[in-house]
PDB file of N, CA and C in Angstrom:
ATOM      1  N   UNK A   1       0.849  -1.156   0.002  1.00  0.00           N
ATOM      2  CA  UNK A   1      -0.003   0.002  -0.002  1.00  0.00           C
ATOM      3  C   UNK A   1       0.902   1.240   0.002  1.00  0.00           C
ATOM      4  N   UNK A   2       0.447   2.279  -0.656  1.00  0.00           N
ATOM      5  CA  UNK A   2       1.204   3.531  -0.733  1.00  0.00           C
ATOM      6  C   UNK A   2       0.368   4.629  -0.090  1.00  0.00           C
ATOM      7  N   UNK A   3       1.002   5.461   0.729  1.00  0.00           N
ATOM      8  CA  UNK A   3       0.324   6.570   1.392  1.00  0.00           C
ATOM      9  C   UNK A   3       1.048   7.854   1.030  1.00  0.00           C
ATOM     10  N   UNK A   4       0.278   8.915   0.849  1.00  0.00           N
ATOM     11  CA  UNK A   4       0.860  10.222   0.579  1.00  0.00           C
ATOM     12  C   UNK A   4      -0.171  11.305   0.766  1.00  0.00           C
ATOM     13  N   UNK A   5       0.299  12.547   0.765  1.00  0.00           N
ATOM     14  CA  UNK A   5      -0.585  13.695   0.908  1.00  0.00           C
ATOM     15  C   UNK A   5      -0.099  14.786  -0.034  1.00  0.00           C
ATOM     16  N   UNK A   6      -1.039  15.522  -0.615  1.00  0.00           N
ATOM     17  CA  UNK A   6      -0.659  16.678  -1.408  1.00  0.00           C
ATOM     18  C   UNK A   6      -1.551  17.849  -1.042  1.00  0.00           C
ATOM     19  N   UNK A   7      -1.040  19.041  -1.325  1.00  0.00           N
ATOM     20  CA  UNK A   7      -1.726  20.277  -0.935  1.00  0.00           C
ATOM     21  C   UNK A   7      -1.320  21.358  -1.907  1.00  0.00           C
ATOM     22  N   UNK A   8      -1.932  22.517  -1.792  1.00  0.00           N
ATOM     23  CA  UNK A   8      -1.711  23.607  -2.749  1.00  0.00           C
ATOM     24  C   UNK A   8      -0.234  23.963  -2.884  1.00  0.00           C
ATOM     25  N   UNK A   9       0.531  23.861  -1.800  1.00  0.00           N
ATOM     26  CA  UNK A   9       1.921  24.261  -1.832  1.00  0.00           C
ATOM     27  C   UNK A   9       2.918  23.149  -2.058  1.00  0.00           C
ATOM     28  N   UNK A  10       2.458  21.924  -2.274  1.00  0.00           N
ATOM     29  CA  UNK A  10       3.409  20.846  -2.467  1.00  0.00           C
ATOM     30  C   UNK A  10       2.838  19.483  -2.175  1.00  0.00           C
ATOM     31  N   UNK A  11       3.724  18.569  -1.789  1.00  0.00           N
ATOM     32  CA  UNK A  11       3.322  17.189  -1.523  1.00  0.00           C
ATOM     33  C   UNK A  11       4.294  16.559  -0.547  1.00  0.00           C
ATOM     34  N   UNK A  12       3.853  15.462   0.051  1.00  0.00           N
ATOM     35  CA  UNK A  12       4.743  14.689   0.909  1.00  0.00           C
ATOM     36  C   UNK A  12       5.478  13.670   0.047  1.00  0.00           C
ATOM     37  N   UNK A  13       6.457  13.032   0.635  1.00  0.00           N
ATOM     38  CA  UNK A  13       7.054  11.863  -0.008  1.00  0.00           C
ATOM     39  C   UNK A  13       6.041  10.730   0.047  1.00  0.00           C
ATOM     40  N   UNK A  14       6.091   9.831  -0.918  1.00  0.00           N
ATOM     41  CA  UNK A  14       5.249   8.646  -0.850  1.00  0.00           C
ATOM     42  C   UNK A  14       5.830   7.692   0.185  1.00  0.00           C
ATOM     43  N   UNK A  15       4.940   7.050   0.915  1.00  0.00           N
ATOM     44  CA  UNK A  15       5.341   6.105   1.954  1.00  0.00           C
ATOM     45  C   UNK A  15       4.818   4.736   1.535  1.00  0.00           C
ATOM     46  N   UNK A  16       5.705   3.765   1.439  1.00  0.00           N
ATOM     47  CA  UNK A  16       5.316   2.407   1.078  1.00  0.00           C
ATOM     48  C   UNK A  16       5.105   1.614   2.357  1.00  0.00           C
ATOM     49  N   UNK A  17       3.878   1.155   2.554  1.00  0.00           N
ATOM     50  CA  UNK A  17       3.488   0.470   3.785  1.00  0.00           C
ATOM     51  C   UNK A  17       3.402  -1.023   3.533  1.00  0.00           C
ATOM     52  N   UNK A  18       3.839  -1.798   4.499  1.00  0.00           N
ATOM     53  CA  UNK A  18       3.787  -3.260   4.407  1.00  0.00           C
ATOM     54  C   UNK A  18       2.405  -3.760   4.811  1.00  0.00           C
ATOM     55  N   UNK A  19       1.850  -4.672   4.041  1.00  0.00           N
ATOM     56  CA  UNK A  19       0.599  -5.326   4.411  1.00  0.00           C
ATOM     57  C   UNK A  19      -0.594  -4.388   4.450  1.00  0.00           C
ATOM     58  N   UNK A  20      -1.645  -4.867   5.114  1.00  0.00           N
ATOM     59  CA  UNK A  20      -2.869  -4.086   5.255  1.00  0.00           C
ATOM     60  C   UNK A  20      -2.783  -3.175   6.458  1.00  0.00           C
ATOM     61  N   UNK A  21      -3.585  -2.124   6.439  1.00  0.00           N
ATOM     62  CA  UNK A  21      -3.635  -1.198   7.562  1.00  0.00           C
ATOM     63  C   UNK A  21      -4.959  -1.382   8.302  1.00  0.00           C
ATOM     64  N   UNK A  22      -4.902  -1.484   9.622  1.00  0.00           N
ATOM     65  CA  UNK A  22      -6.111  -1.361  10.422  1.00  0.00           C
ATOM     66  C   UNK A  22      -6.083   0.041  11.020  1.00  0.00           C
ATOM     67  N   UNK A  23      -7.075   0.386  11.823  1.00  0.00           N
ATOM     68  CA  UNK A  23      -7.149   1.762  12.318  1.00  0.00           C
ATOM     69  C   UNK A  23      -5.965   2.127  13.214  1.00  0.00           C
ATOM     70  N   UNK A  24      -5.455   1.174  13.971  1.00  0.00           N
ATOM     71  CA  UNK A  24      -4.299   1.457  14.835  1.00  0.00           C
ATOM     72  C   UNK A  24      -3.061   1.724  13.975  1.00  0.00           C
ATOM     73  N   UNK A  25      -2.829   0.885  12.975  1.00  0.00           N
ATOM     74  CA  UNK A  25      -1.689   1.102  12.076  1.00  0.00           C
ATOM     75  C   UNK A  25      -1.848   2.410  11.307  1.00  0.00           C
ATOM     76  N   UNK A  26      -3.087   2.730  10.908  1.00  0.00           N
ATOM     77  CA  UNK A  26      -3.343   3.972  10.177  1.00  0.00           C
ATOM     78  C   UNK A  26      -3.008   5.183  11.037  1.00  0.00           C
ATOM     79  N   UNK A  27      -3.408   5.176  12.301  1.00  0.00           N
ATOM     80  CA  UNK A  27      -3.075   6.321  13.159  1.00  0.00           C
ATOM     81  C   UNK A  27      -1.570   6.431  13.377  1.00  0.00           C
ATOM     82  N   UNK A  28      -0.874   5.304  13.406  1.00  0.00           N
ATOM     83  CA  UNK A  28       0.589   5.340  13.502  1.00  0.00           C
ATOM     84  C   UNK A  28       1.179   5.974  12.244  1.00  0.00           C
ATOM     85  N   UNK A  29       0.644   5.609  11.079  1.00  0.00           N
ATOM     86  CA  UNK A  29       1.086   6.218   9.816  1.00  0.00           C
ATOM     87  C   UNK A  29       0.835   7.723   9.840  1.00  0.00           C
ATOM     88  N   UNK A  30      -0.339   8.133  10.289  1.00  0.00           N
ATOM     89  CA  UNK A  30      -0.660   9.561  10.354  1.00  0.00           C
ATOM     90  C   UNK A  30       0.277  10.303  11.305  1.00  0.00           C
ATOM     91  N   UNK A  31       0.524   9.709  12.457  1.00  0.00           N
ATOM     92  CA  UNK A  31       1.402  10.350  13.442  1.00  0.00           C
ATOM     93  C   UNK A  31       2.815  10.503  12.888  1.00  0.00           C
ATOM     94  N   UNK A  32       3.286   9.480  12.204  1.00  0.00           N
ATOM     95  CA  UNK A  32       4.655   9.469  11.702  1.00  0.00           C
ATOM     96  C   UNK A  32       4.831  10.321  10.438  1.00  0.00           C
ATOM     97  N   UNK A  33       3.796  10.389   9.588  1.00  0.00           N
ATOM     98  CA  UNK A  33       3.967  11.032   8.284  1.00  0.00           C
ATOM     99  C   UNK A  33       3.092  12.259   8.049  1.00  0.00           C
ATOM    100  N   UNK A  34       1.836  12.237   8.494  1.00  0.00           N
ATOM    101  CA  UNK A  34       0.955  13.386   8.257  1.00  0.00           C
ATOM    102  C   UNK A  34       1.267  14.540   9.186  1.00  0.00           C
ATOM    103  N   UNK A  35       1.366  14.281  10.475  1.00  0.00           N
ATOM    104  CA  UNK A  35       1.566  15.377  11.434  1.00  0.00           C
ATOM    105  C   UNK A  35       2.808  16.205  11.130  1.00  0.00           C
ATOM    106  N   UNK A  36       3.961  15.602  10.804  1.00  0.00           N
ATOM    107  CA  UNK A  36       5.118  16.443  10.471  1.00  0.00           C
ATOM    108  C   UNK A  36       4.876  17.333   9.253  1.00  0.00           C
ATOM    109  N   UNK A  37       4.189  16.811   8.228  1.00  0.00           N
ATOM    110  CA  UNK A  37       3.884  17.617   7.031  1.00  0.00           C
ATOM    111  C   UNK A  37       2.966  18.775   7.405  1.00  0.00           C
ATOM    112  N   UNK A  38       1.943  18.486   8.195  1.00  0.00           N
ATOM    113  CA  UNK A  38       1.004  19.545   8.590  1.00  0.00           C
ATOM    114  C   UNK A  38       1.703  20.611   9.427  1.00  0.00           C
ATOM    115  N   UNK A  39       2.545  20.192  10.338  1.00  0.00           N
ATOM    116  CA  UNK A  39       3.221  21.165  11.219  1.00  0.00           C
ATOM    117  C   UNK A  39       4.230  22.018  10.459  1.00  0.00           C
ATOM    118  N   UNK A  40       4.864  21.448   9.454  1.00  0.00           N
ATOM    119  CA  UNK A  40       5.832  22.215   8.649  1.00  0.00           C
ATOM    120  C   UNK A  40       5.159  23.194   7.699  1.00  0.00           C
ATOM    121  N   UNK A  41       3.985  22.852   7.190  1.00  0.00           N
ATOM    122  CA  UNK A  41       3.410  23.596   6.076  1.00  0.00           C
ATOM    123  C   UNK A  41       2.142  24.382   6.373  1.00  0.00           C
ATOM    124  N   UNK A  42       1.516  24.154   7.509  1.00  0.00           N
ATOM    125  CA  UNK A  42       0.215  24.773   7.744  1.00  0.00           C
ATOM    126  C   UNK A  42       0.124  25.416   9.110  1.00  0.00           C
ATOM    127  N   UNK A  43      -0.794  26.350   9.175  1.00  0.00           N
ATOM    128  CA  UNK A  43      -1.183  26.903  10.472  1.00  0.00           C
ATOM    129  C   UNK A  43      -2.317  26.039  10.998  1.00  0.00           C
ATOM    130  N   UNK A  44      -2.883  26.430  12.087  1.00  0.00           N
ATOM    131  CA  UNK A  44      -3.937  25.631  12.714  1.00  0.00           C
ATOM    132  C   UNK A  44      -5.204  25.512  11.872  1.00  0.00           C
ATOM    133  N   UNK A  45      -5.353  26.310  10.840  1.00  0.00           N
ATOM    134  CA  UNK A  45      -6.595  26.278  10.072  1.00  0.00           C
ATOM    135  C   UNK A  45      -6.596  25.244   8.948  1.00  0.00           C
ATOM    136  N   UNK A  46      -5.610  24.373   8.878  1.00  0.00           N
ATOM    137  CA  UNK A  46      -5.568  23.335   7.840  1.00  0.00           C
ATOM    138  C   UNK A  46      -6.675  22.311   8.078  1.00  0.00           C
ATOM    139  N   UNK A  47      -7.197  21.764   6.991  1.00  0.00           N
ATOM    140  CA  UNK A  47      -8.243  20.745   7.060  1.00  0.00           C
ATOM    141  C   UNK A  47      -7.763  19.529   6.262  1.00  0.00           C
ATOM    142  N   UNK A  48      -7.843  18.363   6.870  1.00  0.00           N
ATOM    143  CA  UNK A  48      -7.419  17.111   6.243  1.00  0.00           C
ATOM    144  C   UNK A  48      -8.626  16.465   5.570  1.00  0.00           C
ATOM    145  N   UNK A  49      -8.434  15.946   4.357  1.00  0.00           N
ATOM    146  CA  UNK A  49      -9.508  15.286   3.622  1.00  0.00           C
ATOM    147  C   UNK A  49      -9.123  13.840   3.368  1.00  0.00           C
ATOM    148  N   UNK A  50     -10.057  12.952   3.606  1.00  0.00           N
ATOM    149  CA  UNK A  50      -9.866  11.528   3.314  1.00  0.00           C
ATOM    150  C   UNK A  50     -11.233  10.942   2.963  1.00  0.00           C
ATOM    151  N   UNK A  51     -11.244   9.751   2.393  1.00  0.00           N
ATOM    152  CA  UNK A  51     -12.538   9.148   2.077  1.00  0.00           C
ATOM    153  C   UNK A  51     -13.095   8.449   3.325  1.00  0.00           C
ATOM    154  N   UNK A  52     -14.162   7.731   3.154  1.00  0.00           N
ATOM    155  CA  UNK A  52     -14.834   7.107   4.301  1.00  0.00           C
ATOM    156  C   UNK A  52     -14.494   5.622   4.459  1.00  0.00           C
ATOM    157  N   UNK A  53     -13.273   5.248   4.131  1.00  0.00           N
ATOM    158  CA  UNK A  53     -12.840   3.870   4.384  1.00  0.00           C
ATOM    159  C   UNK A  53     -12.992   3.580   5.876  1.00  0.00           C
ATOM    160  N   UNK A  54     -13.242   2.337   6.217  1.00  0.00           N
ATOM    161  CA  UNK A  54     -13.519   2.002   7.619  1.00  0.00           C
ATOM    162  C   UNK A  54     -12.382   2.394   8.565  1.00  0.00           C
ATOM    163  N   UNK A  55     -11.129   2.300   8.120  1.00  0.00           N
ATOM    164  CA  UNK A  55     -10.032   2.714   9.004  1.00  0.00           C
ATOM    165  C   UNK A  55     -10.009   4.231   9.201  1.00  0.00           C
ATOM    166  N   UNK A  56     -10.586   4.973   8.265  1.00  0.00           N
ATOM    167  CA  UNK A  56     -10.641   6.431   8.385  1.00  0.00           C
ATOM    168  C   UNK A  56     -11.732   6.877   9.341  1.00  0.00           C
ATOM    169  N   UNK A  57     -12.804   6.106   9.438  1.00  0.00           N
ATOM    170  CA  UNK A  57     -13.952   6.501  10.264  1.00  0.00           C
ATOM    171  C   UNK A  57     -13.990   5.782  11.605  1.00  0.00           C
ATOM    172  N   UNK A  58     -13.039   4.899  11.854  1.00  0.00           N
ATOM    173  CA  UNK A  58     -13.007   4.137  13.106  1.00  0.00           C
ATOM    174  C   UNK A  58     -12.846   5.071  14.308  1.00  0.00           C
ATOM    175  N   UNK A  59     -13.365   4.647  15.447  1.00  0.00           N
ATOM    176  CA  UNK A  59     -13.278   5.455  16.669  1.00  0.00           C
ATOM    177  C   UNK A  59     -11.832   5.773  17.030  1.00  0.00           C
ATOM    178  N   UNK A  60     -10.940   4.801  16.876  1.00  0.00           N
ATOM    179  CA  UNK A  60      -9.515   5.025  17.173  1.00  0.00           C
ATOM    180  C   UNK A  60      -8.974   6.183  16.337  1.00  0.00           C
ATOM    181  N   UNK A  61      -9.324   6.203  15.067  1.00  0.00           N
ATOM    182  CA  UNK A  61      -8.859   7.258  14.165  1.00  0.00           C
ATOM    183  C   UNK A  61      -9.487   8.598  14.523  1.00  0.00           C
ATOM    184  N   UNK A  62     -10.786   8.595  14.794  1.00  0.00           N
ATOM    185  CA  UNK A  62     -11.467   9.838  15.162  1.00  0.00           C
ATOM    186  C   UNK A  62     -10.896  10.402  16.461  1.00  0.00           C
ATOM    187  N   UNK A  63     -10.632   9.530  17.434  1.00  0.00           N
ATOM    188  CA  UNK A  63     -10.017   9.962  18.694  1.00  0.00           C
ATOM    189  C   UNK A  63      -8.629  10.546  18.455  1.00  0.00           C
ATOM    190  N   UNK A  64      -7.881   9.955  17.534  1.00  0.00           N
ATOM    191  CA  UNK A  64      -6.554  10.468  17.184  1.00  0.00           C
ATOM    192  C   UNK A  64      -6.664  11.897  16.660  1.00  0.00           C
ATOM    193  N   UNK A  65      -7.578  12.124  15.703  1.00  0.00           N
ATOM    194  CA  UNK A  65      -7.743  13.465  15.142  1.00  0.00           C
ATOM    195  C   UNK A  65      -8.125  14.469  16.222  1.00  0.00           C
ATOM    196  N   UNK A  66      -8.997  14.083  17.128  1.00  0.00           N
ATOM    197  CA  UNK A  66      -9.407  14.985  18.216  1.00  0.00           C
ATOM    198  C   UNK A  66      -8.207  15.291  19.112  1.00  0.00           C
ATOM    199  N   UNK A  67      -7.473  14.267  19.519  1.00  0.00           N
ATOM    200  CA  UNK A  67      -6.345  14.481  20.435  1.00  0.00           C
ATOM    201  C   UNK A  67      -5.237  15.310  19.799  1.00  0.00           C
ATOM    202  N   UNK A  68      -5.060  15.191  18.479  1.00  0.00           N
ATOM    203  CA  UNK A  68      -4.015  15.942  17.778  1.00  0.00           C
ATOM    204  C   UNK A  68      -4.531  17.257  17.199  1.00  0.00           C
ATOM    205  N   UNK A  69      -5.813  17.543  17.435  1.00  0.00           N
ATOM    206  CA  UNK A  69      -6.448  18.788  16.962  1.00  0.00           C
ATOM    207  C   UNK A  69      -6.352  18.941  15.436  1.00  0.00           C
ATOM    208  N   UNK A  70      -6.576  17.834  14.726  1.00  0.00           N
ATOM    209  CA  UNK A  70      -6.593  17.849  13.266  1.00  0.00           C
ATOM    210  C   UNK A  70      -8.039  17.969  12.811  1.00  0.00           C
ATOM    211  N   UNK A  71      -8.332  19.014  12.058  1.00  0.00           N
ATOM    212  CA  UNK A  71      -9.679  19.182  11.502  1.00  0.00           C
ATOM    213  C   UNK A  71      -9.803  18.282  10.280  1.00  0.00           C
ATOM    214  N   UNK A  72     -10.907  17.549  10.204  1.00  0.00           N
ATOM    215  CA  UNK A  72     -11.146  16.632   9.095  1.00  0.00           C
ATOM    216  C   UNK A  72     -12.409  17.067   8.360  1.00  0.00           C
ATOM    217  N   UNK A  73     -12.302  17.163   7.048  1.00  0.00           N
ATOM    218  CA  UNK A  73     -13.443  17.577   6.220  1.00  0.00           C
ATOM    219  C   UNK A  73     -14.487  16.473   6.173  1.00  0.00           C
ATOM    220  N   UNK A  74     -15.749  16.840   6.344  1.00  0.00           N
ATOM    221  CA  UNK A  74     -16.835  15.884   6.129  1.00  0.00           C
ATOM    222  C   UNK A  74     -16.837  15.516   4.657  1.00  0.00           C
ATOM    223  N   UNK A  75     -17.003  14.246   4.364  1.00  0.00           N
ATOM    224  CA  UNK A  75     -16.891  13.791   2.988  1.00  0.00           C
ATOM    225  C   UNK A  75     -17.973  12.767   2.705  1.00  0.00           C
ATOM    226  N   UNK A  76     -18.707  12.931   1.596  1.00  0.00           N
ATOM    227  CA  UNK A  76     -19.749  11.956   1.262  1.00  0.00           C
ATOM    228  C   UNK A  76     -19.148  10.579   0.959  1.00  0.00           C
ATOM    229  N   UNK A  77     -19.870   9.556   1.314  1.00  0.00           N
ATOM    230  CA  UNK A  77     -19.410   8.184   1.051  1.00  0.00           C
ATOM    231  C   UNK A  77     -19.366   7.911  -0.449  1.00  0.00           C
ATOM    232  N   UNK A  78     -18.357   7.158  -0.869  1.00  0.00           N
ATOM    233  CA  UNK A  78     -18.235   6.688  -2.250  1.00  0.00           C
ATOM    234  C   UNK A  78     -18.303   7.802  -3.278  1.00  0.00           C
ATOM    235  N   UNK A  79     -17.541   8.847  -3.087  1.00  0.00           N
ATOM    236  CA  UNK A  79     -17.532   9.985  -4.019  1.00  0.00           C
ATOM    237  C   UNK A  79     -16.241  10.009  -4.815  1.00  0.00           C
ATOM    238  N   UNK A  80     -16.027   8.997  -5.626  1.00  0.00           N
ATOM    239  CA  UNK A  80     -14.796   8.918  -6.408  1.00  0.00           C
ATOM    240  C   UNK A  80     -14.637  10.116  -7.336  1.00  0.00           C
ATOM    241  N   UNK A  81     -15.740  10.676  -7.809  1.00  0.00           N
ATOM    242  CA  UNK A  81     -15.659  11.839  -8.679  1.00  0.00           C
ATOM    243  C   UNK A  81     -15.132  13.065  -7.949  1.00  0.00           C
ATOM    244  N   UNK A  82     -15.247  13.085  -6.634  1.00  0.00           N
ATOM    245  CA  UNK A  82     -14.771  14.208  -5.827  1.00  0.00           C
ATOM    246  C   UNK A  82     -13.418  13.944  -5.182  1.00  0.00           C
ATOM    247  N   UNK A  83     -12.932  12.725  -5.232  1.00  0.00           N
ATOM    248  CA  UNK A  83     -11.702  12.343  -4.561  1.00  0.00           C
ATOM    249  C   UNK A  83     -10.512  12.586  -5.483  1.00  0.00           C
ATOM    250  N   UNK A  84      -9.761  13.638  -5.201  1.00  0.00           N
ATOM    251  CA  UNK A  84      -8.670  14.042  -6.081  1.00  0.00           C
ATOM    252  C   UNK A  84      -7.569  12.999  -6.220  1.00  0.00           C
ATOM    253  N   UNK A  85      -7.297  12.247  -5.182  1.00  0.00           N
ATOM    254  CA  UNK A  85      -6.215  11.270  -5.273  1.00  0.00           C
ATOM    255  C   UNK A  85      -6.619  10.038  -6.078  1.00  0.00           C
ATOM    256  N   UNK A  86      -7.910   9.808  -6.259  1.00  0.00           N
ATOM    257  CA  UNK A  86      -8.395   8.665  -7.039  1.00  0.00           C
ATOM    258  C   UNK A  86      -8.482   8.983  -8.527  1.00  0.00           C
ATOM    259  N   UNK A  87      -8.381  10.249  -8.910  1.00  0.00           N
ATOM    260  CA  UNK A  87      -8.573  10.639 -10.317  1.00  0.00           C
ATOM    261  C   UNK A  87      -7.283  11.008 -11.000  1.00  0.00           C
TER     262      UNK A  87
END
């Protein structure tokens, strides 16, 4: 699996992940790779966008976003036409 993030001012490095991700592994990935990118490039008003995959909506993941004060955009389920990374 490959993970990455892009934004108006640039992009992160791609991260190659071993095996499948569950919500605990996903929050570890976010802590290790997303938070440093957000802290380097954004002020507190940044908003993170992701789809509604089960690991993204899991309580563990939602608790992580709350504890790290990461704002997450509400996103309709199964909106591939709106998902920039899928197109």
